[in-house]
Amino acid sequence: MLFLPEPLNQWDHKLFHAINGQWNNSFFDSVLPFLREANFWIPLYLFLLLMITFSFGKQSTWWILTFVFTVVFSDLLSSSVLKETIFRLRPCQDPSLAGTINILVNYCPKSSSFPSSHAVNHFAIATFIYQTLKFTSKWWGLIFLWAFAIIYAQVYVGVHYPFDVFCGSLIGITIGWLTSYIFNTRIGLHQQTKQA
């Protein structure tokens, strides 16, 4: 069970209620529930895969494999290790919050709210992409806005507290940095491009 210091717990609940109940609007109500769905981003993943393959040819194989490893490892760590070790009731499952929050999803998972697997996964992906492709364009930094939008949606729809997504983001950034560091020092698309 996750126990937060009371000042941090109060801040966490206050920010949650602001995002979920005060800063809402009809546009976000319609868009953000879809934004957090993996299927919504399939075109982005396909575009990324094609772009990498087209730009780097055979050299892209190790990038794709390391990318997949980053996704699988971050998901296993968050869903099968951390969530199984540290339990925190999700806001949408908390009886004490019933009737006071906006639940904008049809299904509220019973798994632990800490950490947010969406946050771990998407910030691991964003960090890996940025760290391995930033040499091609400064615009890759915008990938973090994509990750932030997804974790904001997790709080907005009522399935996570801000602390859950914040910690999940830090974990994801750490994973993405480690896998990108290993990739860049051992393989590195920019190194192979220069050699070619």
Protein backbone atom coordinates (compact mmCIF):
# COMPACT_ATOMS: atom_id res chain seq x y z
CA MET A 1 0.00 0.00 0.00
CA LEU A 2 1.32 3.44 -0.95
CA PHE A 3 1.22 5.98 1.88
CA LEU A 4 2.04 9.57 0.97
CA PRO A 5 2.92 12.26 3.51
CA GLU A 6 -0.29 14.15 4.25
CA PRO A 7 0.79 17.48 2.69
CA LEU A 8 1.76 15.65 -0.52
CA ASN A 9 -1.45 13.61 -0.45
CA GLN A 10 -3.54 16.79 -0.06
CA TRP A 11 -1.69 18.51 -2.90
CA ASP A 12 -2.16 15.42 -5.07
CA HIS A 13 -5.92 15.32 -4.44
CA LYS A 14 -6.29 19.05 -4.90
CA LEU A 15 -4.51 19.00 -8.27
CA PHE A 16 -6.49 15.93 -9.31
CA HIS A 17 -9.81 17.67 -8.60
CA ALA A 18 -8.62 20.76 -10.49
CA ILE A 19 -7.69 18.78 -13.61
CA ASN A 20 -10.62 16.39 -13.43
CA GLY A 21 -13.34 18.75 -12.29
CA GLN A 22 -12.42 22.41 -12.72
CA TRP A 23 -10.29 22.64 -15.84
CA ASN A 24 -12.64 20.57 -17.96
CA ASN A 25 -14.51 21.50 -21.13
CA SER A 26 -16.62 19.73 -23.73
CA PHE A 27 -13.74 19.52 -26.25
CA PHE A 28 -11.42 17.78 -23.79
CA ASP A 29 -14.31 15.56 -22.65
CA SER A 30 -14.64 14.32 -26.24
CA VAL A 31 -10.96 14.09 -27.24
CA LEU A 32 -8.93 13.06 -24.19
CA PRO A 33 -10.59 9.66 -23.60
CA PHE A 34 -9.48 8.66 -27.13
CA LEU A 35 -6.05 10.24 -26.75
CA ARG A 36 -5.09 7.71 -24.09
CA GLU A 37 -6.04 4.69 -26.21
CA ALA A 38 -3.15 2.79 -27.86
CA ASN A 39 -5.12 2.14 -31.05
CA PHE A 40 -5.51 5.89 -31.58
CA TRP A 41 -1.74 6.18 -32.11
CA ILE A 42 -1.26 3.25 -34.51
CA PRO A 43 -0.83 5.63 -37.51
CA LEU A 44 1.94 7.45 -35.62
CA TYR A 45 3.74 4.19 -34.83
CA LEU A 46 3.45 3.01 -38.44
CA PHE A 47 4.74 6.36 -39.72
CA LEU A 48 7.69 6.18 -37.33
CA LEU A 49 8.49 2.63 -38.38
CA LEU A 50 8.36 3.49 -42.06
CA MET A 51 10.38 6.68 -41.58
CA ILE A 52 13.14 4.88 -39.70
CA THR A 53 13.24 2.03 -42.21
CA PHE A 54 13.24 4.39 -45.20
CA SER A 55 15.86 6.72 -43.72
CA PHE A 56 18.32 4.15 -42.41
CA GLY A 57 17.57 0.94 -44.32
CA LYS A 58 19.19 -2.14 -42.80
CA GLN A 59 20.71 0.01 -40.08
CA SER A 60 17.21 0.54 -38.67
CA THR A 61 16.88 -3.09 -37.51
CA TRP A 62 18.71 -2.58 -34.22
CA TRP A 63 16.81 0.65 -33.59
CA ILE A 64 13.48 -1.14 -34.02
CA LEU A 65 14.58 -4.03 -31.79
CA THR A 66 15.78 -1.66 -29.07
CA PHE A 67 12.57 0.37 -29.38
CA VAL A 68 10.50 -2.80 -28.90
CA PHE A 69 12.68 -3.81 -25.93
CA THR A 70 12.10 -0.37 -24.39
CA VAL A 71 8.33 -0.76 -24.73
CA VAL A 72 8.26 -4.32 -23.38
CA PHE A 73 10.64 -3.64 -20.49
CA SER A 74 8.85 -0.47 -19.39
CA ASP A 75 5.48 -2.24 -19.49
CA LEU A 76 6.72 -5.29 -17.57
CA LEU A 77 8.39 -3.13 -14.93
CA SER A 78 5.34 -0.93 -14.37
CA SER A 79 2.55 -3.50 -14.75
CA SER A 80 4.10 -6.72 -13.46
CA VAL A 81 6.59 -5.48 -10.86
CA LEU A 82 5.74 -2.05 -9.48
CA LYS A 83 1.95 -2.32 -9.60
CA GLU A 84 2.14 -5.76 -7.99
CA THR A 85 4.40 -4.42 -5.24
CA ILE A 86 2.91 -0.98 -4.50
CA PHE A 87 -0.87 -0.70 -4.36
CA ARG A 88 -2.78 2.55 -4.54
CA LEU A 89 -6.52 2.78 -5.11
CA ARG A 90 -7.45 4.55 -8.32
CA PRO A 91 -9.62 7.65 -7.98
CA CYS A 92 -12.32 6.05 -10.13
CA GLN A 93 -12.39 3.06 -7.72
CA ASP A 94 -12.37 5.07 -4.49
CA PRO A 95 -15.81 4.95 -2.79
CA SER A 96 -15.01 8.14 -0.87
CA LEU A 97 -14.78 10.05 -4.17
CA ALA A 98 -17.98 8.62 -5.67
CA GLY A 99 -20.14 11.40 -7.06
CA THR A 100 -17.40 14.00 -6.76
CA ILE A 101 -15.30 13.18 -9.83
CA ASN A 102 -15.86 12.93 -13.57
CA ILE A 103 -15.20 9.40 -14.81
CA LEU A 104 -14.94 9.64 -18.58
CA VAL A 105 -14.09 6.00 -19.36
CA ASN A 106 -16.35 2.98 -19.59
CA TYR A 107 -13.95 0.78 -17.63
CA CYS A 108 -11.94 1.61 -14.54
CA PRO A 109 -9.12 -0.89 -13.96
CA LYS A 110 -8.86 -2.50 -10.54
CA SER A 111 -5.07 -2.62 -10.74
CA SER A 112 -2.92 -0.26 -8.71
CA SER A 113 -2.96 3.39 -9.63
CA PHE A 114 0.77 3.65 -8.89
CA PRO A 115 2.60 4.09 -11.10
CA SER A 116 0.73 4.98 -14.26
CA SER A 117 1.80 2.43 -16.88
CA HIS A 118 0.77 4.90 -19.58
CA ALA A 119 3.23 7.39 -18.13
CA VAL A 120 6.05 4.86 -17.79
CA ASN A 121 5.55 3.47 -21.29
CA HIS A 122 5.05 6.71 -23.20
CA PHE A 123 7.85 8.65 -21.52
CA ALA A 124 10.21 5.70 -22.04
CA ILE A 125 9.24 5.72 -25.72
CA ALA A 126 9.49 9.51 -26.02
CA THR A 127 12.91 9.61 -24.34
CA PHE A 128 14.27 6.79 -26.48
CA ILE A 129 12.99 8.38 -29.69
CA TYR A 130 14.36 11.81 -28.77
CA GLN A 131 17.76 10.62 -27.60
CA THR A 132 18.34 8.44 -30.66
CA LEU A 133 16.91 10.75 -33.33
CA LYS A 134 17.63 14.26 -32.04
CA PHE A 135 20.68 14.48 -34.33
CA THR A 136 18.31 14.44 -37.33
CA SER A 137 16.08 17.33 -36.18
CA LYS A 138 15.52 19.54 -33.15
CA TRP A 139 11.78 19.02 -33.63
CA TRP A 140 11.94 15.56 -32.07
CA GLY A 141 11.68 17.32 -28.72
CA LEU A 142 7.97 17.77 -29.47
CA ILE A 143 7.54 14.05 -28.82
CA PHE A 144 7.43 14.92 -25.13
CA LEU A 145 4.28 16.99 -25.71
CA TRP A 146 2.68 13.82 -27.07
CA ALA A 147 3.67 11.89 -23.94
CA PHE A 148 2.49 14.71 -21.67
CA ALA A 149 -0.89 14.91 -23.42
CA ILE A 150 -1.43 11.20 -22.78
CA ILE A 151 -0.59 11.34 -19.07
CA TYR A 152 -2.67 14.51 -18.64
CA ALA A 153 -5.57 12.58 -20.18
CA GLN A 154 -5.09 9.82 -17.60
CA VAL A 155 -5.74 12.29 -14.79
CA TYR A 156 -8.45 14.14 -16.71
CA VAL A 157 -10.59 11.02 -17.27
CA GLY A 158 -10.30 10.01 -13.61
CA VAL A 159 -8.12 6.89 -13.65
CA HIS A 160 -4.93 8.30 -12.07
CA TYR A 161 -3.75 10.91 -9.61
CA PRO A 162 -1.10 13.44 -10.71
CA PHE A 163 1.50 11.81 -8.43
CA ASP A 164 0.99 8.49 -10.25
CA VAL A 165 1.70 9.97 -13.67
CA PHE A 166 4.52 12.18 -12.40
CA CYS A 167 6.42 9.25 -10.88
CA GLY A 168 5.58 7.09 -13.88
CA SER A 169 7.05 9.76 -16.15
CA LEU A 170 10.31 9.84 -14.17
CA ILE A 171 10.57 6.06 -14.31
CA GLY A 172 9.88 6.10 -18.04
CA ILE A 173 12.45 8.82 -18.70
CA THR A 174 15.03 6.77 -16.79
CA ILE A 175 14.27 3.63 -18.82
CA GLY A 176 14.29 5.53 -22.11
CA TRP A 177 17.54 7.24 -21.26
CA LEU A 178 19.22 3.94 -20.35
CA THR A 179 18.12 2.09 -23.48
CA SER A 180 18.97 5.05 -25.71
CA TYR A 181 22.36 5.43 -24.03
CA ILE A 182 23.15 1.76 -24.64
CA PHE A 183 21.91 2.04 -28.22
CA ASN A 184 23.81 5.25 -28.97
CA THR A 185 27.09 4.03 -27.49
CA ARG A 186 26.97 0.52 -28.98
CA ILE A 187 25.23 1.12 -32.32
CA GLY A 188 23.89 4.64 -32.91
CA LEU A 189 22.20 5.62 -36.13
CA HIS A 190 24.26 8.82 -36.33
CA GLN A 191 27.49 6.83 -36.03
CA GLN A 192 26.45 4.44 -38.78
CA THR A 193 25.30 7.32 -40.96
CA LYS A 194 28.69 9.00 -40.64
CA GLN A 195 30.53 5.79 -41.45
CA ALA A 196 28.36 5.27 -44.51
